[in-house]
Amino acid sequence: MPFFVYIIQSEADGSFYKGFSEDVPVRLQQHNAGESEYTKNKTPWVLVYVEECLDKRSALIREKNLKKADRNRIVALLNSAKNLLNG
Protein backbone atom coordinates (compact mmCIF):
# COMPACT_ATOMS: atom_id res chain seq x y z
CA MET A 1 0.00 0.00 0.00
CA PRO A 2 1.43 3.40 -0.91
CA PHE A 3 2.04 6.16 1.56
CA PHE A 4 1.91 9.85 0.82
CA VAL A 5 3.61 12.94 2.14
CA TYR A 6 1.45 16.02 2.08
CA ILE A 7 1.55 19.71 2.79
CA ILE A 8 -1.46 21.63 3.98
CA GLN A 9 -1.72 25.38 4.28
CA SER A 10 -3.66 27.26 6.92
CA GLU A 11 -6.20 29.70 5.54
CA ALA A 12 -6.02 31.47 8.90
CA ASP A 13 -2.36 32.50 8.77
CA GLY A 14 -0.78 31.02 5.61
CA SER A 15 1.49 28.64 7.52
CA PHE A 16 2.33 25.17 6.22
CA TYR A 17 2.11 21.79 7.92
CA LYS A 18 3.87 18.72 6.52
CA GLY A 19 2.85 15.16 7.26
CA PHE A 20 2.42 11.66 5.88
CA SER A 21 -0.57 9.36 5.57
CA GLU A 22 -2.03 6.37 3.76
CA ASP A 23 -5.26 8.32 3.20
CA VAL A 24 -4.66 12.03 2.66
CA PRO A 25 -8.33 13.14 2.30
CA VAL A 26 -9.22 11.51 5.63
CA ARG A 27 -6.16 13.05 7.28
CA LEU A 28 -7.12 16.50 5.97
CA GLN A 29 -10.59 16.06 7.49
CA GLN A 30 -8.96 15.18 10.81
CA HIS A 31 -6.84 18.34 10.71
CA ASN A 32 -9.89 20.48 9.93
CA ALA A 33 -11.93 18.79 12.67
CA GLY A 34 -9.33 19.80 15.26
CA GLU A 35 -8.16 16.23 15.87
CA SER A 36 -4.49 17.18 15.59
CA GLU A 37 -3.03 19.10 18.52
CA TYR A 38 -0.57 21.08 16.39
CA THR A 39 -3.03 22.15 13.69
CA LYS A 40 -6.31 22.60 15.55
CA ASN A 41 -5.85 26.32 16.23
CA LYS A 42 -5.12 27.26 12.61
CA THR A 43 -8.13 25.82 10.79
CA PRO A 44 -9.28 25.71 8.08
CA TRP A 45 -6.53 23.86 6.21
CA VAL A 46 -6.25 23.37 2.45
CA LEU A 47 -4.32 20.58 0.76
CA VAL A 48 -1.60 22.11 -1.43
CA TYR A 49 0.89 19.26 -2.03
CA VAL A 50 0.80 15.46 -2.29
CA GLU A 51 3.69 13.16 -3.18
CA GLU A 52 3.50 9.36 -3.36
CA CYS A 53 6.16 7.24 -1.64
CA LEU A 54 6.84 3.54 -2.08
CA ASP A 55 6.52 2.58 1.57
CA LYS A 56 6.16 3.94 5.09
CA ARG A 57 9.91 4.21 5.66
CA SER A 58 10.49 6.35 2.56
CA ALA A 59 7.47 8.51 3.46
CA LEU A 60 8.86 9.13 6.95
CA ILE A 61 12.27 10.07 5.54
CA ARG A 62 10.67 12.41 3.00
CA GLU A 63 8.44 13.99 5.65
CA LYS A 64 11.46 14.66 7.86
CA ASN A 65 13.21 16.28 4.89
CA LEU A 66 10.20 18.49 4.13
CA LYS A 67 9.93 19.62 7.75
CA LYS A 68 13.41 21.14 7.37
CA ALA A 69 12.47 23.02 4.17
CA ASP A 70 12.17 26.79 4.20
CA ARG A 71 9.17 28.63 2.78
CA ASN A 72 10.83 29.28 -0.61
CA ARG A 73 11.53 25.58 -1.10
CA ILE A 74 7.97 24.69 -0.12
CA VAL A 75 6.50 27.20 -2.58
CA ALA A 76 8.73 25.79 -5.33
CA LEU A 77 7.53 22.26 -4.53
CA LEU A 78 3.90 23.33 -4.82
CA ASN A 79 4.50 24.14 -8.49
CA SER A 80 6.73 21.14 -9.23
CA ALA A 81 5.97 18.01 -11.24
CA LYS A 82 6.30 15.98 -7.99
CA ASN A 83 3.03 17.50 -6.76
CA LEU A 84 0.27 15.03 -7.64
CA LEU A 85 -2.24 17.86 -7.35
CA ASN A 86 -0.69 19.40 -10.49
CA GLY A 87 -1.46 16.30 -12.57
C-alpha atoms as a PDB file:
ATOM      1  CA  MET A   1       0.000   0.000   0.000  1.00  0.00           C
ATOM      2  CA  PRO A   2       1.430   3.398  -0.911  1.00  0.00           C
ATOM      3  CA  PHE A   3       2.044   6.155   1.558  1.00  0.00           C
ATOM      4  CA  PHE A   4       1.910   9.852   0.819  1.00  0.00           C
ATOM      5  CA  VAL A   5       3.609  12.938   2.144  1.00  0.00           C
ATOM      6  CA  TYR A   6       1.455  16.017   2.076  1.00  0.00           C
ATOM      7  CA  ILE A   7       1.554  19.707   2.789  1.00  0.00           C
ATOM      8  CA  ILE A   8      -1.460  21.628   3.982  1.00  0.00           C
ATOM      9  CA  GLN A   9      -1.721  25.383   4.277  1.00  0.00           C
ATOM     10  CA  SER A  10      -3.661  27.258   6.922  1.00  0.00           C
ATOM     11  CA  GLU A  11      -6.204  29.702   5.545  1.00  0.00           C
ATOM     12  CA  ALA A  12      -6.020  31.474   8.903  1.00  0.00           C
ATOM     13  CA  ASP A  13      -2.359  32.502   8.768  1.00  0.00           C
ATOM     14  CA  GLY A  14      -0.782  31.017   5.612  1.00  0.00           C
ATOM     15  CA  SER A  15       1.490  28.639   7.525  1.00  0.00           C
ATOM     16  CA  PHE A  16       2.330  25.173   6.217  1.00  0.00           C
ATOM     17  CA  TYR A  17       2.110  21.788   7.924  1.00  0.00           C
ATOM     18  CA  LYS A  18       3.873  18.720   6.522  1.00  0.00           C
ATOM     19  CA  GLY A  19       2.849  15.161   7.264  1.00  0.00           C
ATOM     20  CA  PHE A  20       2.418  11.655   5.877  1.00  0.00           C
ATOM     21  CA  SER A  21      -0.574   9.360   5.566  1.00  0.00           C
ATOM     22  CA  GLU A  22      -2.026   6.372   3.760  1.00  0.00           C
ATOM     23  CA  ASP A  23      -5.261   8.319   3.201  1.00  0.00           C
ATOM     24  CA  VAL A  24      -4.659  12.035   2.660  1.00  0.00           C
ATOM     25  CA  PRO A  25      -8.326  13.139   2.302  1.00  0.00           C
ATOM     26  CA  VAL A  26      -9.224  11.509   5.631  1.00  0.00           C
ATOM     27  CA  ARG A  27      -6.155  13.046   7.276  1.00  0.00           C
ATOM     28  CA  LEU A  28      -7.125  16.500   5.971  1.00  0.00           C
ATOM     29  CA  GLN A  29     -10.593  16.058   7.491  1.00  0.00           C
ATOM     30  CA  GLN A  30      -8.961  15.182  10.814  1.00  0.00           C
ATOM     31  CA  HIS A  31      -6.840  18.338  10.710  1.00  0.00           C
ATOM     32  CA  ASN A  32      -9.886  20.483   9.930  1.00  0.00           C
ATOM     33  CA  ALA A  33     -11.931  18.789  12.665  1.00  0.00           C
ATOM     34  CA  GLY A  34      -9.335  19.805  15.265  1.00  0.00           C
ATOM     35  CA  GLU A  35      -8.162  16.230  15.870  1.00  0.00           C
ATOM     36  CA  SER A  36      -4.486  17.181  15.585  1.00  0.00           C
ATOM     37  CA  GLU A  37      -3.028  19.100  18.517  1.00  0.00           C
ATOM     38  CA  TYR A  38      -0.567  21.081  16.386  1.00  0.00           C
ATOM     39  CA  THR A  39      -3.027  22.152  13.686  1.00  0.00           C
ATOM     40  CA  LYS A  40      -6.311  22.597  15.550  1.00  0.00           C
ATOM     41  CA  ASN A  41      -5.853  26.319  16.226  1.00  0.00           C
ATOM     42  CA  LYS A  42      -5.123  27.257  12.614  1.00  0.00           C
ATOM     43  CA  THR A  43      -8.134  25.825  10.786  1.00  0.00           C
ATOM     44  CA  PRO A  44      -9.280  25.710   8.077  1.00  0.00           C
ATOM     45  CA  TRP A  45      -6.532  23.855   6.210  1.00  0.00           C
ATOM     46  CA  VAL A  46      -6.245  23.375   2.449  1.00  0.00           C
ATOM     47  CA  LEU A  47      -4.325  20.577   0.760  1.00  0.00           C
ATOM     48  CA  VAL A  48      -1.602  22.113  -1.431  1.00  0.00           C
ATOM     49  CA  TYR A  49       0.889  19.264  -2.032  1.00  0.00           C
ATOM     50  CA  VAL A  50       0.800  15.464  -2.287  1.00  0.00           C
ATOM     51  CA  GLU A  51       3.694  13.158  -3.180  1.00  0.00           C
ATOM     52  CA  GLU A  52       3.505   9.356  -3.356  1.00  0.00           C
ATOM     53  CA  CYS A  53       6.159   7.237  -1.642  1.00  0.00           C
ATOM     54  CA  LEU A  54       6.842   3.540  -2.080  1.00  0.00           C
ATOM     55  CA  ASP A  55       6.521   2.583   1.568  1.00  0.00           C
ATOM     56  CA  LYS A  56       6.161   3.936   5.089  1.00  0.00           C
ATOM     57  CA  ARG A  57       9.908   4.212   5.656  1.00  0.00           C
ATOM     58  CA  SER A  58      10.485   6.350   2.561  1.00  0.00           C
ATOM     59  CA  ALA A  59       7.471   8.507   3.464  1.00  0.00           C
ATOM     60  CA  LEU A  60       8.856   9.133   6.953  1.00  0.00           C
ATOM     61  CA  ILE A  61      12.266  10.068   5.545  1.00  0.00           C
ATOM     62  CA  ARG A  62      10.675  12.415   2.998  1.00  0.00           C
ATOM     63  CA  GLU A  63       8.436  13.991   5.650  1.00  0.00           C
ATOM     64  CA  LYS A  64      11.463  14.663   7.861  1.00  0.00           C
ATOM     65  CA  ASN A  65      13.212  16.277   4.894  1.00  0.00           C
ATOM     66  CA  LEU A  66      10.196  18.488   4.134  1.00  0.00           C
ATOM     67  CA  LYS A  67       9.929  19.615   7.747  1.00  0.00           C
ATOM     68  CA  LYS A  68      13.409  21.138   7.371  1.00  0.00           C
ATOM     69  CA  ALA A  69      12.472  23.021   4.173  1.00  0.00           C
ATOM     70  CA  ASP A  70      12.174  26.792   4.197  1.00  0.00           C
ATOM     71  CA  ARG A  71       9.171  28.626   2.777  1.00  0.00           C
ATOM     72  CA  ASN A  72      10.832  29.284  -0.610  1.00  0.00           C
ATOM     73  CA  ARG A  73      11.533  25.576  -1.103  1.00  0.00           C
ATOM     74  CA  ILE A  74       7.968  24.691  -0.119  1.00  0.00           C
ATOM     75  CA  VAL A  75       6.500  27.203  -2.581  1.00  0.00           C
ATOM     76  CA  ALA A  76       8.732  25.791  -5.334  1.00  0.00           C
ATOM     77  CA  LEU A  77       7.528  22.264  -4.525  1.00  0.00           C
ATOM     78  CA  LEU A  78       3.897  23.326  -4.824  1.00  0.00           C
ATOM     79  CA  ASN A  79       4.502  24.135  -8.489  1.00  0.00           C
ATOM     80  CA  SER A  80       6.729  21.138  -9.227  1.00  0.00           C
ATOM     81  CA  ALA A  81       5.969  18.009 -11.238  1.00  0.00           C
ATOM     82  CA  LYS A  82       6.296  15.975  -7.994  1.00  0.00           C
ATOM     83  CA  ASN A  83       3.033  17.497  -6.757  1.00  0.00           C
ATOM     84  CA  LEU A  84       0.265  15.029  -7.637  1.00  0.00           C
ATOM     85  CA  LEU A  85      -2.242  17.862  -7.354  1.00  0.00           C
ATOM     86  CA  ASN A  86      -0.692  19.399 -10.494  1.00  0.00           C
ATOM     87  CA  GLY A  87      -1.455  16.300 -12.574  1.00  0.00           C
END
